[in-house]
Amino acid sequence: MTARFDEVTAVTRTSREPDGEPDGEPGRLEATIDPQWSIAGRTNGGYVLALMGRAAVLGVAAEREAAGRPPLPHPIAASATYLSPVPVGRVLLDVTVLRAGRTQSATRVTLRTPDGELRAEALVTCAELATDSEPVHDGVLPATLPPIEGCFRLPVEGPGFQVPIMEVLDERLDPACLGWAQGKPSGVGELRGYLSFADGRAMDPLGLLLAVDSLPPATFDVGLTGWVPTMQLSAWVRAVPAPGPVVVRQHARLIEGSLFDETCDIWDSRGRLVATGHQLAGIRVPRA
């Protein structure tokens, strides 16, 4: 059976313009935004980044096939700018190969609604990650968590709103960073927990693009529970994760004015750092 994540990030080639007329552009793709991968009616930014990452891989594969080269199956770096919320339904994606190298290819991916409105744009670099590499140096402090059995699985029912994405993600937070759920945030600005797909799909480099934007905003841990729309999201994928749930730590760096930024680090079941994400989002901070 096809995993749910693979179904909702599927992209196909199309020859249709938004008005239904053929365009003949080989880089044109289409996909369908699924309503379940959302929070309070808003499509999750990590899901959109993963969708654009899959489009980039497919676009690079087509270009390399024409040149008689093997595909580059993994998005190793992706940086997206979100211009407006991405609605549920059909979207059009254009992939432009900016540089076609021997081991890496850089692309630009645009995502538009059928009416032609640009909703998101990303730069995605594709390569093939090794499965047996080991770091020469790792300066990122590891996350410390209790066993997964002692962590709390986040429900679909959020604080006053629905979180449908929690039906398809198994997300279990460390109870030590759940004070905000009882109105007692720690003030540290950090959330951490385990993450996996609810249907058992293995985490892979494409899934890591989703994972860097999967936890609740770290602003919750400083007592700010308002909506935080993603403006810019970047991810670096460093390795193919080992089997099992990944560990995710999300930390708020700076909250000031109407903006906040956070960093997300992800480790696989071996304790190897496999991805890092950086996000800039909007937020409404109450005036003193």
Protein backbone atom coordinates (compact mmCIF):
# COMPACT_ATOMS: atom_id res chain seq x y z
CA MET A 1 0.00 0.00 0.00
CA THR A 2 1.12 3.55 -0.72
CA ALA A 3 1.83 5.51 2.45
CA ARG A 4 -0.38 8.50 3.13
CA PHE A 5 2.53 10.94 2.96
CA ASP A 6 3.52 9.67 -0.48
CA GLU A 7 -0.07 10.04 -1.70
CA VAL A 8 -0.42 13.66 -0.58
CA THR A 9 2.99 14.71 -1.96
CA ALA A 10 2.52 12.98 -5.32
CA VAL A 11 3.26 15.19 -8.33
CA THR A 12 2.42 14.45 -11.95
CA ARG A 13 3.35 16.04 -15.23
CA THR A 14 0.73 18.23 -16.84
CA SER A 15 0.35 20.05 -20.14
CA ARG A 16 -2.45 22.30 -18.95
CA GLU A 17 -2.31 26.00 -18.33
CA PRO A 18 -4.56 27.44 -15.58
CA ASP A 19 -7.13 28.22 -18.29
CA GLY A 20 -7.13 24.60 -19.47
CA GLU A 21 -5.16 25.20 -22.66
CA PRO A 22 -1.99 23.12 -23.29
CA ASP A 23 1.31 24.85 -22.54
CA GLY A 24 3.90 22.33 -23.76
CA GLU A 25 6.36 23.18 -20.94
CA PRO A 26 8.22 20.04 -19.77
CA GLY A 27 8.87 21.47 -16.29
CA ARG A 28 5.20 21.95 -15.44
CA LEU A 29 3.83 19.66 -12.71
CA GLU A 30 0.63 19.50 -10.72
CA ALA A 31 -0.37 18.19 -7.30
CA THR A 32 -3.29 18.27 -4.90
CA ILE A 33 -3.04 19.90 -1.47
CA ASP A 34 -4.67 17.57 1.06
CA PRO A 35 -6.82 19.13 3.85
CA GLN A 36 -5.62 16.70 6.52
CA TRP A 37 -2.08 18.11 6.56
CA SER A 38 -3.16 21.34 8.21
CA ILE A 39 -3.47 23.18 11.51
CA ALA A 40 -6.62 25.15 12.30
CA GLY A 41 -7.53 25.22 8.61
CA ARG A 42 -4.08 26.36 7.46
CA THR A 43 -1.89 24.08 5.31
CA ASN A 44 1.30 23.12 7.14
CA GLY A 45 4.44 24.82 5.78
CA GLY A 46 6.59 21.71 6.14
CA TYR A 47 4.11 19.73 4.07
CA VAL A 48 4.29 22.37 1.32
CA LEU A 49 8.11 22.32 1.49
CA ALA A 50 8.12 18.52 1.14
CA LEU A 51 5.78 18.76 -1.86
CA MET A 52 8.11 21.24 -3.56
CA GLY A 53 11.07 19.03 -2.65
CA ARG A 54 9.45 16.07 -4.40
CA ALA A 55 8.76 18.24 -7.45
CA ALA A 56 12.43 19.29 -7.52
CA VAL A 57 13.62 15.66 -7.38
CA LEU A 58 11.29 14.74 -10.23
CA GLY A 59 12.38 17.74 -12.30
CA VAL A 60 16.06 16.90 -11.82
CA ALA A 61 15.42 13.24 -12.65
CA ALA A 62 13.83 14.22 -15.98
CA GLU A 63 16.76 16.48 -16.86
CA ARG A 64 19.35 13.83 -15.94
CA GLU A 65 17.47 11.06 -17.74
CA ALA A 66 17.65 13.10 -20.93
CA ALA A 67 21.42 13.37 -20.40
CA GLY A 68 21.82 9.65 -19.64
CA ARG A 69 22.61 10.21 -15.96
CA PRO A 70 21.15 8.50 -12.87
CA PRO A 71 18.69 10.53 -10.72
CA LEU A 72 19.60 12.50 -7.60
CA PRO A 73 16.89 11.23 -5.23
CA HIS A 74 17.33 13.37 -2.12
CA PRO A 75 16.59 17.04 -1.38
CA ILE A 76 19.58 18.08 0.74
CA ALA A 77 18.84 21.80 1.05
CA ALA A 78 15.54 23.62 0.64
CA SER A 79 14.56 27.20 1.34
CA ALA A 80 10.98 28.35 0.78
CA THR A 81 9.27 31.71 0.97
CA TYR A 82 5.52 31.63 1.61
CA LEU A 83 3.72 34.53 -0.05
CA SER A 84 0.20 33.60 1.08
CA PRO A 85 -1.57 30.56 2.56
CA VAL A 86 -1.65 27.56 0.21
CA PRO A 87 -5.29 26.48 -0.17
CA VAL A 88 -6.60 22.93 -0.40
CA GLY A 89 -7.00 21.56 -3.93
CA ARG A 90 -5.07 21.48 -7.18
CA VAL A 91 -1.83 23.45 -7.49
CA LEU A 92 0.66 23.91 -10.33
CA LEU A 93 4.41 23.63 -9.85
CA ASP A 94 7.18 24.76 -12.19
CA VAL A 95 10.69 23.37 -11.76
CA THR A 96 13.68 25.17 -13.28
CA VAL A 97 17.09 23.49 -13.08
CA LEU A 98 19.48 26.34 -12.29
CA ARG A 99 22.64 24.26 -12.24
CA ALA A 100 23.07 20.64 -13.30
CA GLY A 101 26.21 19.26 -11.67
CA ARG A 102 27.68 15.78 -11.54
CA THR A 103 26.67 15.08 -7.93
CA GLN A 104 24.31 17.98 -7.14
CA SER A 105 21.66 19.95 -9.01
CA ALA A 106 20.13 23.23 -7.89
CA THR A 107 16.52 24.09 -8.78
CA ARG A 108 13.91 26.76 -8.39
CA VAL A 109 10.35 25.56 -7.68
CA THR A 110 7.28 27.78 -7.83
CA LEU A 111 3.83 26.81 -6.57
CA ARG A 112 0.73 28.51 -7.97
CA THR A 113 -3.00 28.04 -7.64
CA PRO A 114 -4.99 27.29 -10.83
CA ASP A 115 -5.86 30.99 -11.14
CA GLY A 116 -2.15 31.71 -11.61
CA GLU A 117 -1.48 33.27 -8.19
CA LEU A 118 2.03 32.56 -6.87
CA ARG A 119 1.73 31.15 -3.33
CA ALA A 120 5.24 29.83 -2.56
CA GLU A 121 8.69 29.68 -4.10
CA ALA A 122 11.66 27.52 -3.11
CA LEU A 123 15.29 26.88 -3.97
CA VAL A 124 16.00 23.15 -3.66
CA THR A 125 19.32 21.36 -4.08
CA CYS A 126 19.16 17.64 -4.92
CA ALA A 127 21.88 15.00 -4.43
CA GLU A 128 22.26 11.43 -3.22
CA LEU A 129 22.99 11.08 0.49
CA ALA A 130 25.20 8.30 1.79
CA THR A 131 23.63 5.82 4.20
CA ASP A 132 26.83 4.86 6.02
CA SER A 133 28.58 8.19 6.61
CA GLU A 134 29.72 9.33 10.06
CA PRO A 135 30.33 12.92 11.21
CA VAL A 136 33.88 14.15 11.59
CA HIS A 137 32.68 16.86 13.99
CA ASP A 138 29.29 17.50 15.61
CA GLY A 139 28.93 20.65 17.70
CA VAL A 140 25.17 20.40 18.28
CA LEU A 141 24.19 19.42 21.83
CA PRO A 142 21.90 16.37 21.71
CA ALA A 143 18.34 16.50 22.98
CA THR A 144 17.61 14.64 26.23
CA LEU A 145 14.25 12.87 26.36
CA PRO A 146 12.53 10.28 28.53
CA PRO A 147 11.59 6.97 26.85
CA ILE A 148 8.93 7.34 24.17
CA GLU A 149 6.43 5.50 26.37
CA GLY A 150 6.67 8.34 28.89
CA CYS A 151 5.91 11.08 26.37
CA PHE A 152 2.50 12.57 25.57
CA ARG A 153 1.01 12.08 22.10
CA LEU A 154 -0.49 15.30 20.79
CA PRO A 155 -4.20 14.96 19.94
CA VAL A 156 -6.22 16.31 17.04
CA GLU A 157 -8.10 18.55 19.47
CA GLY A 158 -5.92 21.60 19.99
CA PRO A 159 -6.41 24.49 22.45
CA GLY A 160 -9.56 25.89 20.84
CA PHE A 161 -8.92 24.59 17.32
CA GLN A 162 -8.47 21.38 15.33
CA VAL A 163 -5.06 19.98 14.34
CA PRO A 164 -5.88 17.38 11.61
CA ILE A 165 -2.21 16.72 10.89
CA MET A 166 -1.98 14.92 14.24
CA GLU A 167 -4.05 12.09 12.74
CA VAL A 168 -1.27 11.28 10.28
CA LEU A 169 1.73 12.13 12.48
CA ASP A 170 2.58 10.34 15.72
CA GLU A 171 4.04 13.22 17.73
CA ARG A 172 4.97 12.62 21.36
CA LEU A 173 6.28 15.52 23.45
CA ASP A 174 8.43 15.40 26.56
CA PRO A 175 6.08 16.13 29.52
CA ALA A 176 8.74 18.49 30.90
CA CYS A 177 8.05 20.96 28.07
CA LEU A 178 4.23 20.73 28.19
CA GLY A 179 3.65 23.32 30.90
CA TRP A 180 2.06 25.66 28.36
CA ALA A 181 -0.82 23.19 27.97
CA GLN A 182 -1.72 23.84 31.65
CA GLY A 183 -1.07 27.57 31.44
CA LYS A 184 2.38 27.21 33.02
CA PRO A 185 4.99 27.69 30.27
CA SER A 186 8.60 27.28 31.36
CA GLY A 187 9.78 30.43 29.60
CA VAL A 188 12.73 28.55 28.06
CA GLY A 189 11.19 28.53 24.59
CA GLU A 190 11.92 24.89 23.76
CA LEU A 191 9.78 21.94 22.69
CA ARG A 192 11.13 18.44 22.09
CA GLY A 193 9.74 15.02 21.39
CA TYR A 194 9.57 11.97 19.14
CA LEU A 195 8.09 12.04 15.64
CA SER A 196 7.03 9.33 13.20
CA PHE A 197 4.36 8.75 10.59
CA ALA A 198 1.20 7.26 12.10
CA ASP A 199 0.90 4.64 9.34
CA GLY A 200 4.41 3.32 9.95
CA ARG A 201 6.04 4.88 6.88
CA ALA A 202 9.79 5.15 7.37
CA MET A 203 11.22 8.62 7.80
CA ASP A 204 13.41 9.62 4.84
CA PRO A 205 15.05 12.82 3.52
CA LEU A 206 11.75 14.01 1.99
CA GLY A 207 9.93 13.38 5.27
CA LEU A 208 12.56 15.43 7.09
CA LEU A 209 11.45 18.51 5.11
CA LEU A 210 8.07 18.05 6.79
CA ALA A 211 9.60 17.24 10.18
CA VAL A 212 11.41 20.60 10.53
CA ASP A 213 7.97 22.27 10.78
CA SER A 214 6.03 19.56 12.60
CA LEU A 215 6.08 20.51 16.30
CA PRO A 216 3.92 23.28 17.79
CA PRO A 217 5.66 26.67 17.71
CA ALA A 218 8.32 27.06 20.39
CA THR A 219 6.60 30.34 21.29
CA PHE A 220 4.06 28.24 23.22
CA ASP A 221 6.74 27.58 25.84
CA VAL A 222 7.07 31.31 26.54
CA GLY A 223 3.32 31.81 26.95
CA LEU A 224 2.52 33.08 23.44
CA THR A 225 -0.11 30.76 21.96
CA GLY A 226 -1.34 32.89 19.06
CA TRP A 227 -1.11 31.99 15.39
CA VAL A 228 2.45 32.06 13.94
CA PRO A 229 2.28 31.95 10.13
CA THR A 230 5.50 30.78 8.48
CA MET A 231 7.12 33.39 6.27
CA GLN A 232 10.35 31.61 5.40
CA LEU A 233 11.45 28.03 6.09
CA SER A 234 14.84 26.48 5.33
CA ALA A 235 15.99 22.90 5.84
CA TRP A 236 19.32 21.12 5.56
CA VAL A 237 19.14 17.35 5.26
CA ARG A 238 22.43 15.68 6.17
CA ALA A 239 21.77 11.94 6.17
CA VAL A 240 19.27 9.20 5.46
CA PRO A 241 17.77 8.51 8.91
CA ALA A 242 18.01 5.09 10.52
CA PRO A 243 14.71 3.21 11.08
CA GLY A 244 12.50 4.32 13.94
CA PRO A 245 11.06 7.59 15.28
CA VAL A 246 13.23 10.68 15.03
CA VAL A 247 13.89 13.06 17.92
CA VAL A 248 12.94 16.69 17.26
CA ARG A 249 14.01 19.72 19.29
CA GLN A 250 12.56 23.13 18.43
CA HIS A 251 14.01 26.23 20.08
CA ALA A 252 12.88 29.86 19.89
CA ARG A 253 15.83 32.14 19.20
CA LEU A 254 14.37 35.64 19.14
CA ILE A 255 10.85 36.99 19.61
CA GLU A 256 10.57 40.70 18.96
CA GLY A 257 7.97 42.99 17.44
CA SER A 258 5.78 41.04 15.04
CA LEU A 259 8.42 38.40 14.17
CA PHE A 260 10.06 35.38 15.72
CA ASP A 261 12.62 32.86 14.53
CA GLU A 262 13.36 29.34 15.69
CA THR A 263 15.76 26.50 15.00
CA CYS A 264 14.79 22.84 14.75
CA ASP A 265 17.29 19.97 15.05
CA ILE A 266 16.43 16.35 14.26
CA TRP A 267 18.26 13.15 15.27
CA ASP A 268 17.59 9.61 14.09
CA SER A 269 17.33 6.50 16.28
CA ARG A 270 21.13 6.15 16.22
CA GLY A 271 21.53 9.60 17.75
CA ARG A 272 22.92 11.05 14.51
CA LEU A 273 21.96 14.60 13.56
CA VAL A 274 20.11 14.16 10.26
CA ALA A 275 18.43 17.53 9.62
CA THR A 276 18.26 21.13 10.77
CA GLY A 277 15.56 23.70 10.04
CA HIS A 278 15.40 27.47 10.44
CA GLN A 279 12.14 29.37 10.35
CA LEU A 280 11.04 33.00 10.35
CA ALA A 281 7.39 33.51 11.28
CA GLY A 282 4.98 36.26 12.13
CA ILE A 283 3.56 36.62 15.62
CA ARG A 284 1.46 39.05 17.60
CA VAL A 285 3.20 39.93 20.85
CA PRO A 286 0.98 41.64 23.47
CA ARG A 287 2.09 45.16 24.29
CA ALA A 288 3.43 45.77 27.78
